[in-house]
N, C-alpha and C. Protein backbone atom coordinates (compact mmCIF):
# COMPACT_ATOMS: atom_id res chain seq x y z
N UNK A 1 37.52 150.59 232.42
CA UNK A 1 36.78 151.71 231.91
C UNK A 1 36.71 152.79 232.99
N UNK A 2 37.16 153.96 232.65
CA UNK A 2 37.21 155.04 233.61
C UNK A 2 35.95 155.90 233.52
N UNK A 3 35.49 156.35 234.66
CA UNK A 3 34.35 157.24 234.70
C UNK A 3 34.86 158.68 234.71
N UNK A 4 34.27 159.50 233.88
CA UNK A 4 34.66 160.90 233.82
C UNK A 4 33.81 161.76 234.75
N UNK A 5 32.84 161.16 235.40
CA UNK A 5 31.94 161.91 236.27
C UNK A 5 32.66 162.58 237.44
N UNK A 6 33.61 161.91 238.15
CA UNK A 6 34.31 162.62 239.23
C UNK A 6 35.07 163.86 238.75
N UNK A 7 35.71 163.78 237.61
CA UNK A 7 36.45 164.93 237.09
C UNK A 7 35.49 166.06 236.71
N UNK A 8 34.36 165.71 236.11
CA UNK A 8 33.38 166.73 235.73
C UNK A 8 32.81 167.41 236.97
N UNK A 9 32.47 166.62 237.99
CA UNK A 9 31.94 167.20 239.22
C UNK A 9 32.97 168.09 239.92
N UNK A 10 34.24 167.67 239.90
CA UNK A 10 35.29 168.48 240.54
C UNK A 10 35.44 169.82 239.83
N UNK A 11 35.51 169.79 238.50
CA UNK A 11 35.66 171.03 237.73
C UNK A 11 34.43 171.92 237.91
N UNK A 12 33.24 171.32 237.92
CA UNK A 12 32.02 172.09 238.14
C UNK A 12 32.01 172.71 239.54
N UNK A 13 32.48 171.96 240.55
CA UNK A 13 32.54 172.50 241.90
C UNK A 13 33.50 173.67 242.02
N UNK A 14 34.66 173.55 241.39
CA UNK A 14 35.63 174.66 241.39
C UNK A 14 35.04 175.87 240.68
N UNK A 15 34.37 175.63 239.54
CA UNK A 15 33.76 176.74 238.80
C UNK A 15 32.69 177.43 239.63
N UNK A 16 31.88 176.65 240.35
CA UNK A 16 30.85 177.26 241.20
C UNK A 16 31.46 178.07 242.35
N UNK A 17 32.56 177.57 242.92
CA UNK A 17 33.22 178.33 243.99
C UNK A 17 33.83 179.63 243.45
N UNK A 18 34.40 179.57 242.26
CA UNK A 18 34.95 180.80 241.66
C UNK A 18 33.83 181.79 241.37
N UNK A 19 32.70 181.28 240.87
CA UNK A 19 31.56 182.15 240.61
C UNK A 19 31.03 182.75 241.91
N UNK A 20 31.01 181.96 242.98
CA UNK A 20 30.57 182.47 244.29
C UNK A 20 31.52 183.55 244.80
N UNK A 21 32.82 183.38 244.57
CA UNK A 21 33.79 184.40 244.98
C UNK A 21 33.60 185.68 244.17
N UNK A 22 33.33 185.53 242.88
CA UNK A 22 33.16 186.71 242.02
C UNK A 22 31.89 187.48 242.39
N UNK A 23 30.79 186.75 242.65
CA UNK A 23 29.52 187.40 242.97
C UNK A 23 29.44 187.91 244.41
N UNK A 24 30.38 187.53 245.25
CA UNK A 24 30.38 188.01 246.62
C UNK A 24 29.68 187.10 247.61
N UNK A 25 29.21 185.93 247.15
CA UNK A 25 28.57 184.98 248.06
C UNK A 25 29.58 184.25 248.93
N UNK A 26 30.85 184.32 248.57
CA UNK A 26 31.89 183.61 249.32
C UNK A 26 33.10 184.52 249.45
N UNK A 27 33.86 184.27 250.50
CA UNK A 27 35.12 184.96 250.72
C UNK A 27 36.19 183.91 250.95
N UNK A 28 37.41 184.23 250.61
CA UNK A 28 38.49 183.27 250.77
C UNK A 28 39.69 183.91 251.41
N UNK A 29 40.58 183.07 251.88
CA UNK A 29 41.81 183.56 252.49
C UNK A 29 42.78 182.42 252.70
N UNK A 30 43.88 182.74 253.35
CA UNK A 30 44.92 181.75 253.63
C UNK A 30 45.37 181.93 255.07
N UNK A 31 45.37 180.83 255.82
CA UNK A 31 45.94 180.82 257.17
C UNK A 31 47.20 179.97 257.09
N UNK A 32 48.33 180.57 257.30
CA UNK A 32 49.66 179.98 257.18
C UNK A 32 49.82 179.46 255.75
N UNK A 33 49.54 178.18 255.51
CA UNK A 33 49.63 177.66 254.14
C UNK A 33 48.33 177.02 253.70
N UNK A 34 47.28 177.13 254.51
CA UNK A 34 46.03 176.44 254.24
C UNK A 34 44.99 177.43 253.70
N UNK A 35 44.55 177.24 252.46
CA UNK A 35 43.50 178.12 251.95
C UNK A 35 42.14 177.74 252.51
N UNK A 36 41.25 178.72 252.61
CA UNK A 36 39.90 178.44 253.09
C UNK A 36 38.91 179.31 252.33
N UNK A 37 37.66 178.84 252.30
CA UNK A 37 36.57 179.58 251.67
C UNK A 37 35.40 179.60 252.65
N UNK A 38 34.83 180.79 252.84
CA UNK A 38 33.65 180.95 253.67
C UNK A 38 32.52 181.36 252.74
N UNK A 39 31.52 180.51 252.61
CA UNK A 39 30.43 180.80 251.70
C UNK A 39 29.11 180.89 252.41
N UNK A 40 28.25 181.77 251.89
CA UNK A 40 26.93 181.94 252.50
C UNK A 40 25.80 181.67 251.52
N UNK A 41 26.11 181.39 250.27
CA UNK A 41 25.06 181.23 249.28
C UNK A 41 24.99 179.82 248.73
N UNK A 42 24.04 179.64 247.82
CA UNK A 42 23.84 178.33 247.21
C UNK A 42 25.00 177.94 246.28
N UNK A 43 25.62 178.92 245.63
CA UNK A 43 26.73 178.60 244.74
C UNK A 43 27.88 177.95 245.50
N UNK A 44 28.22 178.51 246.64
CA UNK A 44 29.31 177.93 247.42
C UNK A 44 28.91 176.59 248.03
N UNK A 45 27.65 176.45 248.42
CA UNK A 45 27.18 175.17 248.97
C UNK A 45 27.29 174.06 247.92
N UNK A 46 26.74 174.31 246.73
CA UNK A 46 26.80 173.29 245.69
C UNK A 46 28.23 173.06 245.20
N UNK A 47 29.05 174.10 245.19
CA UNK A 47 30.45 173.92 244.79
C UNK A 47 31.18 172.97 245.72
N UNK A 48 31.02 173.15 247.01
CA UNK A 48 31.68 172.29 247.99
C UNK A 48 31.09 170.89 247.95
N UNK A 49 29.77 170.78 247.81
CA UNK A 49 29.14 169.46 247.71
C UNK A 49 29.63 168.70 246.48
N UNK A 50 29.74 169.38 245.34
CA UNK A 50 30.22 168.72 244.13
C UNK A 50 31.66 168.25 244.29
N UNK A 51 32.48 169.04 244.96
CA UNK A 51 33.88 168.63 245.16
C UNK A 51 33.95 167.40 246.06
N UNK A 52 33.21 167.39 247.17
CA UNK A 52 33.21 166.21 248.04
C UNK A 52 32.64 164.98 247.34
N UNK A 53 31.57 165.18 246.58
CA UNK A 53 30.98 164.07 245.83
C UNK A 53 31.95 163.53 244.78
N UNK A 54 32.73 164.41 244.17
CA UNK A 54 33.72 163.95 243.18
C UNK A 54 34.80 163.10 243.85
N UNK A 55 35.22 163.46 245.08
CA UNK A 55 36.20 162.64 245.80
C UNK A 55 35.64 161.25 246.09
N UNK A 56 34.40 161.20 246.57
CA UNK A 56 33.78 159.91 246.90
C UNK A 56 33.64 159.04 245.65
N UNK A 57 33.15 159.64 244.57
CA UNK A 57 32.98 158.87 243.33
C UNK A 57 34.32 158.43 242.74
N UNK A 58 35.35 159.24 242.91
CA UNK A 58 36.67 158.86 242.41
C UNK A 58 37.18 157.62 243.12
N UNK A 59 37.05 157.59 244.44
CA UNK A 59 37.54 156.43 245.18
C UNK A 59 36.68 155.19 244.95
N UNK A 60 35.40 155.38 244.67
CA UNK A 60 34.54 154.24 244.39
C UNK A 60 34.68 153.72 242.96
N UNK A 61 35.34 154.50 242.10
CA UNK A 61 35.44 154.09 240.69
C UNK A 61 36.57 153.10 240.44
N UNK A 62 37.40 152.80 241.44
CA UNK A 62 38.48 151.84 241.24
C UNK A 62 37.90 150.43 241.13
N UNK A 63 38.47 149.61 240.28
CA UNK A 63 37.97 148.23 240.18
C UNK A 63 38.26 147.45 241.46
N UNK A 64 37.40 146.47 241.74
CA UNK A 64 37.54 145.69 242.97
C UNK A 64 38.74 144.75 242.92
N UNK A 65 38.91 144.05 241.81
CA UNK A 65 40.01 143.09 241.68
C UNK A 65 41.06 143.64 240.74
N UNK A 66 42.19 144.00 241.29
CA UNK A 66 43.28 144.52 240.47
C UNK A 66 44.34 143.44 240.31
N UNK A 67 44.86 143.33 239.11
CA UNK A 67 45.92 142.38 238.85
C UNK A 67 47.26 143.12 238.86
N UNK A 68 48.20 142.56 239.59
CA UNK A 68 49.50 143.18 239.71
C UNK A 68 50.54 142.34 238.98
N UNK A 69 51.43 143.02 238.29
CA UNK A 69 52.55 142.35 237.66
C UNK A 69 53.83 142.79 238.38
N UNK A 70 54.56 141.82 238.86
CA UNK A 70 55.81 142.13 239.56
C UNK A 70 56.92 142.21 238.52
N UNK A 71 57.58 143.35 238.49
CA UNK A 71 58.68 143.54 237.56
C UNK A 71 59.95 143.75 238.35
N UNK A 72 61.06 143.29 237.83
CA UNK A 72 62.32 143.50 238.55
C UNK A 72 62.68 144.99 238.60
N UNK A 73 63.33 145.36 239.70
CA UNK A 73 63.75 146.74 239.89
C UNK A 73 64.85 147.07 238.91
N UNK A 74 64.63 148.08 238.08
CA UNK A 74 65.60 148.42 237.05
C UNK A 74 66.44 149.64 237.39
N UNK A 75 65.87 150.56 238.13
CA UNK A 75 66.62 151.76 238.47
C UNK A 75 66.32 152.15 239.90
N UNK A 76 67.19 152.93 240.47
CA UNK A 76 67.00 153.38 241.84
C UNK A 76 66.07 154.59 241.83
N UNK A 77 65.08 154.54 242.67
CA UNK A 77 64.12 155.63 242.77
C UNK A 77 64.63 156.67 243.75
N UNK A 78 64.30 157.91 243.45
CA UNK A 78 64.73 159.01 244.31
C UNK A 78 63.70 160.12 244.22
N UNK A 79 63.68 160.93 245.24
CA UNK A 79 62.75 162.04 245.21
C UNK A 79 62.74 162.82 246.50
N UNK A 80 61.87 163.83 246.53
CA UNK A 80 61.74 164.69 247.69
C UNK A 80 60.27 165.05 247.85
N UNK A 81 59.82 165.07 249.07
CA UNK A 81 58.44 165.44 249.39
C UNK A 81 58.52 166.58 250.39
N UNK A 82 57.83 167.68 250.09
CA UNK A 82 57.74 168.79 251.03
C UNK A 82 56.42 168.69 251.77
N UNK A 83 56.48 168.52 253.08
CA UNK A 83 55.29 168.59 253.91
C UNK A 83 55.42 169.90 254.68
N UNK A 84 54.76 170.91 254.15
CA UNK A 84 54.93 172.25 254.69
C UNK A 84 56.36 172.69 254.41
N UNK A 85 57.06 173.16 255.41
CA UNK A 85 58.45 173.57 255.20
C UNK A 85 59.45 172.44 255.42
N UNK A 86 58.99 171.24 255.73
CA UNK A 86 59.89 170.14 256.08
C UNK A 86 60.10 169.23 254.87
N UNK A 87 61.34 169.13 254.37
CA UNK A 87 61.59 168.23 253.24
C UNK A 87 61.86 166.80 253.72
N UNK A 88 61.30 165.83 253.01
CA UNK A 88 61.57 164.42 253.26
C UNK A 88 62.24 163.87 252.01
N UNK A 89 63.45 163.35 252.16
CA UNK A 89 64.24 162.89 251.03
C UNK A 89 64.26 161.37 251.04
N UNK A 90 64.04 160.76 249.88
CA UNK A 90 64.22 159.32 249.78
C UNK A 90 65.03 159.03 248.52
N UNK A 91 65.99 158.14 248.69
CA UNK A 91 66.88 157.79 247.60
C UNK A 91 67.51 156.44 247.88
N UNK A 92 67.81 155.72 246.82
CA UNK A 92 68.48 154.43 246.95
C UNK A 92 69.99 154.57 246.91
N UNK A 93 70.47 155.77 246.65
CA UNK A 93 71.90 156.00 246.53
C UNK A 93 72.29 157.17 247.44
N UNK A 94 73.32 156.99 248.24
CA UNK A 94 73.71 158.02 249.20
C UNK A 94 74.24 159.28 248.50
N UNK A 95 74.90 159.10 247.34
CA UNK A 95 75.40 160.27 246.61
C UNK A 95 74.25 161.13 246.10
N UNK A 96 73.22 160.50 245.60
CA UNK A 96 72.05 161.24 245.13
C UNK A 96 71.36 161.94 246.31
N UNK A 97 71.28 161.26 247.45
CA UNK A 97 70.65 161.86 248.63
C UNK A 97 71.40 163.12 249.06
N UNK A 98 72.72 163.07 249.10
CA UNK A 98 73.49 164.26 249.47
C UNK A 98 73.34 165.38 248.43
N UNK A 99 73.23 165.00 247.17
CA UNK A 99 73.01 166.00 246.12
C UNK A 99 71.66 166.68 246.30
N UNK A 100 70.64 165.90 246.64
CA UNK A 100 69.31 166.47 246.87
C UNK A 100 69.33 167.38 248.10
N UNK A 101 70.04 166.97 249.16
CA UNK A 101 70.16 167.82 250.35
C UNK A 101 70.84 169.14 250.00
N UNK A 102 71.86 169.10 249.16
CA UNK A 102 72.54 170.32 248.72
C UNK A 102 71.58 171.21 247.93
N UNK A 103 70.80 170.61 247.05
CA UNK A 103 69.83 171.40 246.28
C UNK A 103 68.78 172.03 247.18
N UNK A 104 68.33 171.29 248.19
CA UNK A 104 67.36 171.85 249.14
C UNK A 104 67.96 173.03 249.88
N UNK A 105 69.21 172.89 250.33
CA UNK A 105 69.86 173.99 251.06
C UNK A 105 69.97 175.23 250.17
N UNK A 106 70.36 175.05 248.93
CA UNK A 106 70.45 176.18 248.01
C UNK A 106 69.08 176.81 247.79
N UNK A 107 68.06 175.97 247.61
CA UNK A 107 66.69 176.45 247.40
C UNK A 107 66.20 177.23 248.62
N UNK A 108 66.45 176.73 249.83
CA UNK A 108 66.00 177.42 251.03
C UNK A 108 66.74 178.75 251.24
N UNK A 109 68.03 178.77 250.94
CA UNK A 109 68.78 180.03 251.03
C UNK A 109 68.23 181.05 250.04
N UNK A 110 67.91 180.58 248.85
CA UNK A 110 67.32 181.43 247.82
C UNK A 110 65.98 182.00 248.29
N UNK A 111 65.13 181.17 248.87
CA UNK A 111 63.82 181.61 249.37
C UNK A 111 63.98 182.62 250.51
N UNK A 112 64.86 182.32 251.47
CA UNK A 112 65.07 183.21 252.61
C UNK A 112 65.63 184.55 252.15
N UNK A 113 66.56 184.52 251.19
CA UNK A 113 67.12 185.76 250.66
C UNK A 113 66.03 186.63 250.06
N UNK A 114 65.19 186.06 249.23
CA UNK A 114 64.15 186.86 248.59
C UNK A 114 63.05 187.27 249.57
N UNK A 115 62.83 186.48 250.61
CA UNK A 115 61.87 186.87 251.63
C UNK A 115 62.35 188.12 252.36
N UNK A 116 63.59 188.10 252.84
CA UNK A 116 64.13 189.27 253.53
C UNK A 116 64.31 190.45 252.58
N UNK A 117 64.67 190.19 251.33
CA UNK A 117 64.83 191.24 250.34
C UNK A 117 63.50 191.94 250.11
N UNK A 118 62.43 191.16 249.96
CA UNK A 118 61.11 191.77 249.72
C UNK A 118 60.62 192.50 250.96
N UNK A 119 60.88 191.96 252.17
CA UNK A 119 60.47 192.66 253.39
C UNK A 119 61.22 193.97 253.55
N UNK A 120 62.52 193.96 253.22
CA UNK A 120 63.33 195.17 253.34
C UNK A 120 62.80 196.25 252.41
N UNK A 121 62.54 195.91 251.15
CA UNK A 121 62.08 196.91 250.21
C UNK A 121 60.63 197.31 250.46
N UNK A 122 59.82 196.44 251.02
CA UNK A 122 58.46 196.85 251.35
C UNK A 122 58.47 197.87 252.48
N UNK A 123 59.41 197.73 253.45
CA UNK A 123 59.53 198.73 254.51
C UNK A 123 60.04 200.04 253.95
N UNK A 124 60.96 199.97 252.97
CA UNK A 124 61.47 201.21 252.37
C UNK A 124 60.36 201.94 251.63
N UNK A 125 59.48 201.20 250.97
CA UNK A 125 58.38 201.82 250.25
C UNK A 125 57.42 202.49 251.23
N UNK A 126 57.17 201.84 252.38
CA UNK A 126 56.31 202.43 253.40
C UNK A 126 56.95 203.70 253.95
N UNK A 127 58.26 203.67 254.20
CA UNK A 127 58.95 204.87 254.69
C UNK A 127 58.90 206.00 253.66
N UNK A 128 58.99 205.67 252.38
CA UNK A 128 58.93 206.69 251.34
C UNK A 128 57.55 207.34 251.29
N UNK A 129 56.50 206.55 251.55
CA UNK A 129 55.16 207.09 251.52
C UNK A 129 54.87 208.00 252.71
N UNK A 130 55.59 207.77 253.82
CA UNK A 130 55.37 208.61 255.00
C UNK A 130 56.08 209.90 254.80
């Protein structure tokens, strides 16, 4: 039986933080890739408390005794995890791993191209305004 209380508290905490941002009790920003919120009012305080409480209740809601069924491996698992800008590739097949590496290279070239493209045109817009 699952408890819906952690999900309700999490959504309520996010809603309170959004309300705090709208009313001006909190400010937010991003440092590199990490978002942050600076709050000075009760809305931001209760929003953050509800979010932390939802995490604690979520981890405490797991049953103590779990039964595991061992099933034979039917297919090879594969995937990619991005930790910041660093990709971690795992695959049971070397051909799939090389294919994923190729896709990552294409994706990164695409991102770098649009990054420089947007920087170039943003400088042109600034020059046009001057």
